[in-house]
């Protein structure tokens, strides 16, 4: 391999006990090549987060891939579109506690239905679109389906069980998994959200801090906009 300065790499393993002159990093960290090295198989690199520089073993990193947006790539692979209740029940077989999908409501156009398997039954929860937000129980409100699924994956709240496993729509791939593989997905637990610095029709922008670096964070309110953001992400990569 012959990487030019500016090439971004993703660490394939940890190098916490770095030798003198080497760059310490953890698996998944992003590193930028700054120069070649006289040491065979090594490059001079800068850590994208700490800005620390040192040598890296080329065998321990891989080049950060450009994101290739596939039409089947979805932020919501568990969304099955306009299907009937009986069809949803069929898709949630064999029965498995916490297996779920989301569909468009046929009886109530504009609303959605969360379908969850539990104790060999399938429970259907109407997701009402109200005041530009989504709710199941008029208690918890969400900007979009992605936020709702994330919440009920951690909290049972008003549904029969927490969401454990999505029933993916045939032919779709998880954008989250693809972003993670190519090194473009950040660790959300290391993000500190600050003040709101801007708001638009489809989302809000916040000041934030990610692993010691000041960043801007855009929170998208609309699922359609979130999916379209994938196209913008591809251009940016």
Protein backbone atom coordinates (compact mmCIF):
# COMPACT_ATOMS: atom_id res chain seq x y z
CA UNK A 1 0.00 0.00 0.00
CA UNK A 2 1.11 3.55 -0.63
CA UNK A 3 -0.86 6.18 1.26
CA UNK A 4 -0.36 9.85 0.51
CA UNK A 5 -0.48 12.55 3.21
CA UNK A 6 -4.08 13.40 4.06
CA UNK A 7 -5.33 9.82 3.76
CA UNK A 8 -7.70 8.98 6.61
CA UNK A 9 -7.48 5.60 8.32
CA UNK A 10 -9.47 3.64 10.89
CA UNK A 11 -7.65 1.67 13.60
CA UNK A 12 -8.38 -2.06 13.44
CA UNK A 13 -7.07 -2.75 16.95
CA UNK A 14 -5.83 -1.02 20.11
CA UNK A 15 -2.33 0.38 20.52
CA UNK A 16 -2.60 1.67 24.08
CA UNK A 17 0.94 0.73 25.13
CA UNK A 18 2.68 2.55 22.31
CA UNK A 19 6.44 2.28 22.03
CA UNK A 20 8.54 5.48 21.98
CA UNK A 21 7.75 7.46 18.85
CA UNK A 22 4.58 5.52 18.11
CA UNK A 23 1.06 6.93 18.24
CA UNK A 24 -1.34 5.48 20.86
CA UNK A 25 -4.89 4.78 19.71
CA UNK A 26 -7.94 2.61 20.30
CA UNK A 27 -9.81 0.38 17.90
CA UNK A 28 -12.09 2.51 15.74
CA UNK A 29 -10.12 5.74 16.19
CA UNK A 30 -9.58 7.91 13.12
CA UNK A 31 -6.02 8.75 12.10
CA UNK A 32 -4.70 10.94 9.29
CA UNK A 33 -1.49 10.13 7.42
CA UNK A 34 0.90 13.11 7.53
CA UNK A 35 4.02 11.58 6.01
CA UNK A 36 5.83 8.40 5.01
CA UNK A 37 8.40 6.86 7.34
CA UNK A 38 11.87 5.42 6.90
CA UNK A 39 10.66 2.58 9.10
CA UNK A 40 9.28 -0.13 6.80
CA UNK A 41 5.53 -0.67 7.13
CA UNK A 42 5.04 2.48 9.22
CA UNK A 43 3.59 5.93 8.54
CA UNK A 44 3.68 9.20 10.45
CA UNK A 45 0.09 9.99 11.43
CA UNK A 46 -2.02 12.43 13.43
CA UNK A 47 -4.84 11.33 15.74
CA UNK A 48 -8.02 13.07 14.55
CA UNK A 49 -9.28 13.64 18.08
CA UNK A 50 -6.21 14.28 20.24
CA UNK A 51 -4.10 15.87 17.44
CA UNK A 52 -1.16 13.85 18.80
CA UNK A 53 1.32 12.65 16.16
CA UNK A 54 3.47 9.55 15.93
CA UNK A 55 4.20 6.42 13.92
CA UNK A 56 1.54 3.83 13.10
CA UNK A 57 1.90 0.29 11.79
CA UNK A 58 0.07 0.06 8.46
CA UNK A 59 -1.03 -3.49 9.33
CA UNK A 60 -3.06 -2.15 12.26
CA UNK A 61 -5.17 0.32 10.27
CA UNK A 62 -7.30 0.37 7.14
CA UNK A 63 -8.13 3.22 4.83
CA UNK A 64 -11.37 4.99 5.66
CA UNK A 65 -13.75 4.11 2.85
CA UNK A 66 -15.96 6.56 1.03
CA UNK A 67 -19.60 5.94 1.78
CA UNK A 68 -21.35 4.41 -1.20
CA UNK A 69 -25.04 5.20 -1.00
CA UNK A 70 -27.01 2.20 -2.13
CA UNK A 71 -30.73 2.73 -2.89
CA UNK A 72 -31.41 -0.12 -0.44
CA UNK A 73 -29.45 1.58 2.36
CA UNK A 74 -31.91 2.74 4.99
CA UNK A 75 -31.81 4.51 8.33
CA UNK A 76 -35.06 2.66 9.08
CA UNK A 77 -34.69 -0.93 7.78
CA UNK A 78 -37.53 -1.89 10.18
CA UNK A 79 -39.99 0.36 8.30
CA UNK A 80 -42.16 -1.75 5.98
CA UNK A 81 -44.33 0.94 4.42
CA UNK A 82 -48.02 0.41 3.71
CA UNK A 83 -48.81 -3.18 4.70
CA UNK A 84 -51.85 -4.58 6.49
CA UNK A 85 -52.05 -5.80 10.08
CA UNK A 86 -52.29 -9.49 9.07
CA UNK A 87 -49.30 -9.03 6.74
CA UNK A 88 -47.32 -7.54 9.64
CA UNK A 89 -48.24 -10.53 11.83
CA UNK A 90 -46.98 -12.85 9.12
CA UNK A 91 -43.68 -11.01 8.90
CA UNK A 92 -43.19 -11.30 12.66
CA UNK A 93 -43.08 -15.09 12.51
CA UNK A 94 -41.64 -17.19 13.98
CA UNK A 95 -42.73 -15.50 17.21
CA UNK A 96 -39.94 -13.93 19.24
CA UNK A 97 -40.30 -11.58 22.20
CA UNK A 98 -39.29 -8.04 21.25
CA UNK A 99 -39.30 -8.64 17.49
CA UNK A 100 -40.85 -5.58 15.83
CA UNK A 101 -41.55 -3.56 12.72
CA UNK A 102 -43.26 -0.28 11.85
CA UNK A 103 -45.83 0.12 9.08
CA UNK A 104 -47.99 2.86 7.64
CA UNK A 105 -51.53 2.85 8.96
CA UNK A 106 -54.05 1.86 6.27
CA UNK A 107 -57.06 2.70 8.43
CA UNK A 108 -55.63 6.08 9.55
CA UNK A 109 -53.61 7.59 6.66
CA UNK A 110 -50.75 9.76 7.93
CA UNK A 111 -50.29 7.72 11.11
CA UNK A 112 -48.08 4.68 11.70
CA UNK A 113 -48.40 1.39 13.57
CA UNK A 114 -45.72 -0.18 15.77
CA UNK A 115 -46.12 -3.97 15.70
CA UNK A 116 -44.43 -5.96 18.48
CA UNK A 117 -44.23 -9.69 19.09
CA UNK A 118 -44.58 -10.85 22.70
CA UNK A 119 -45.73 -14.13 24.30
CA UNK A 120 -46.50 -15.54 20.84
CA UNK A 121 -48.89 -12.66 20.08
CA UNK A 122 -48.43 -9.52 17.98
CA UNK A 123 -49.48 -6.22 19.53
CA UNK A 124 -50.32 -3.23 17.33
CA UNK A 125 -49.77 0.31 18.64
CA UNK A 126 -51.12 3.21 16.63
CA UNK A 127 -48.53 5.97 16.34
CA UNK A 128 -50.44 9.26 16.05
CA UNK A 129 -49.01 12.26 14.22
CA UNK A 130 -49.97 15.21 16.42
CA UNK A 131 -48.60 18.79 16.51
CA UNK A 132 -45.68 17.82 14.25
CA UNK A 133 -44.69 15.03 16.63
CA UNK A 134 -45.39 11.33 17.05
CA UNK A 135 -46.94 9.65 20.08
CA UNK A 136 -48.42 6.32 21.11
CA UNK A 137 -49.88 7.31 24.47
CA UNK A 138 -50.12 11.14 24.46
CA UNK A 139 -47.41 11.05 27.09
CA UNK A 140 -44.13 10.47 25.27
CA UNK A 141 -43.62 12.55 22.10
CA UNK A 142 -41.01 12.08 19.38
CA UNK A 143 -39.85 14.13 16.41
CA UNK A 144 -39.52 11.03 14.22
CA UNK A 145 -39.75 7.26 14.09
CA UNK A 146 -36.01 6.85 14.64
CA UNK A 147 -36.22 8.65 17.99
CA UNK A 148 -39.28 6.61 18.94
CA UNK A 149 -37.64 3.26 18.20
CA UNK A 150 -34.51 4.28 20.11
CA UNK A 151 -36.61 5.21 23.16
CA UNK A 152 -38.68 2.01 23.21
CA UNK A 153 -35.55 -0.08 22.70
CA UNK A 154 -34.43 1.13 26.13
CA UNK A 155 -37.78 1.72 27.88
CA UNK A 156 -40.86 -0.51 27.96
CA UNK A 157 -43.02 2.38 29.16
CA UNK A 158 -46.53 1.98 27.66
CA UNK A 159 -45.83 -0.96 25.34
CA UNK A 160 -45.82 -4.66 26.20
CA UNK A 161 -42.03 -5.12 26.03
CA UNK A 162 -38.90 -3.27 25.01
CA UNK A 163 -37.99 -3.48 21.33
CA UNK A 164 -35.23 -6.05 20.97
CA UNK A 165 -34.87 -7.09 17.35
CA UNK A 166 -36.07 -5.34 14.19
CA UNK A 167 -37.69 -7.33 11.41
CA UNK A 168 -35.84 -5.80 8.49
CA UNK A 169 -37.68 -5.16 5.26
CA UNK A 170 -36.47 -7.54 2.59
CA UNK A 171 -33.83 -5.96 0.36
CA UNK A 172 -32.76 -3.21 2.78
CA UNK A 173 -29.46 -2.79 4.61
CA UNK A 174 -28.89 -0.87 7.84
CA UNK A 175 -27.26 2.50 7.21
CA UNK A 176 -26.02 2.46 10.81
CA UNK A 177 -24.06 -0.75 10.22
CA UNK A 178 -22.63 0.48 6.92
CA UNK A 179 -21.58 3.82 8.44
CA UNK A 180 -19.90 1.95 11.28
CA UNK A 181 -18.01 -0.37 8.90
CA UNK A 182 -16.64 2.52 6.87
CA UNK A 183 -15.58 4.57 9.92
CA UNK A 184 -18.13 7.39 9.56
CA UNK A 185 -20.25 6.62 12.62
CA UNK A 186 -19.30 8.46 15.82
CA UNK A 187 -19.67 7.13 19.37
CA UNK A 188 -22.76 9.02 20.54
CA UNK A 189 -21.94 8.33 24.22
CA UNK A 190 -18.89 10.63 23.87
CA UNK A 191 -20.97 13.54 22.56
CA UNK A 192 -21.92 16.35 24.96
CA UNK A 193 -24.81 18.46 23.70
CA UNK A 194 -24.77 22.19 24.40
CA UNK A 195 -26.96 25.17 23.61
CA UNK A 196 -29.28 25.54 20.64
CA UNK A 197 -27.67 27.84 18.07
CA UNK A 198 -30.13 27.54 15.19
CA UNK A 199 -33.48 26.10 14.19
CA UNK A 200 -35.17 25.32 10.90
CA UNK A 201 -38.29 23.62 9.63
CA UNK A 202 -36.70 20.18 9.52
CA UNK A 203 -34.15 20.29 12.32
CA UNK A 204 -32.17 22.16 14.96
CA UNK A 205 -28.44 22.85 15.31
CA UNK A 206 -26.69 22.69 18.67
CA UNK A 207 -23.26 23.52 19.94
CA UNK A 208 -21.54 20.36 21.17
CA UNK A 209 -18.31 18.77 22.28
CA UNK A 210 -16.99 15.45 20.98
CA UNK A 211 -13.97 14.00 22.77
CA UNK A 212 -12.62 17.46 23.59
CA UNK A 213 -13.38 19.04 20.22
CA UNK A 214 -16.06 21.67 19.65
CA UNK A 215 -18.57 20.53 17.04
CA UNK A 216 -21.91 21.51 15.55
CA UNK A 217 -24.69 18.95 15.96
CA UNK A 218 -27.72 18.80 13.69
CA UNK A 219 -30.76 17.00 15.04
CA UNK A 220 -33.14 16.09 12.22
CA UNK A 221 -36.84 16.06 13.07
CA UNK A 222 -38.20 14.42 9.93
CA UNK A 223 -37.62 10.80 8.84
CA UNK A 224 -37.77 11.71 5.16
CA UNK A 225 -35.15 14.43 5.71
CA UNK A 226 -33.00 11.99 7.69
CA UNK A 227 -33.08 9.51 4.84
CA UNK A 228 -32.25 12.28 2.33
CA UNK A 229 -29.33 13.28 4.56
CA UNK A 230 -27.69 10.02 3.51
CA UNK A 231 -27.22 11.48 0.04
CA UNK A 232 -25.60 14.61 1.49
CA UNK A 233 -23.37 12.42 3.67
CA UNK A 234 -22.16 10.56 0.60
CA UNK A 235 -21.15 13.82 -1.06
CA UNK A 236 -19.36 15.01 2.08
CA UNK A 237 -17.35 11.77 2.36
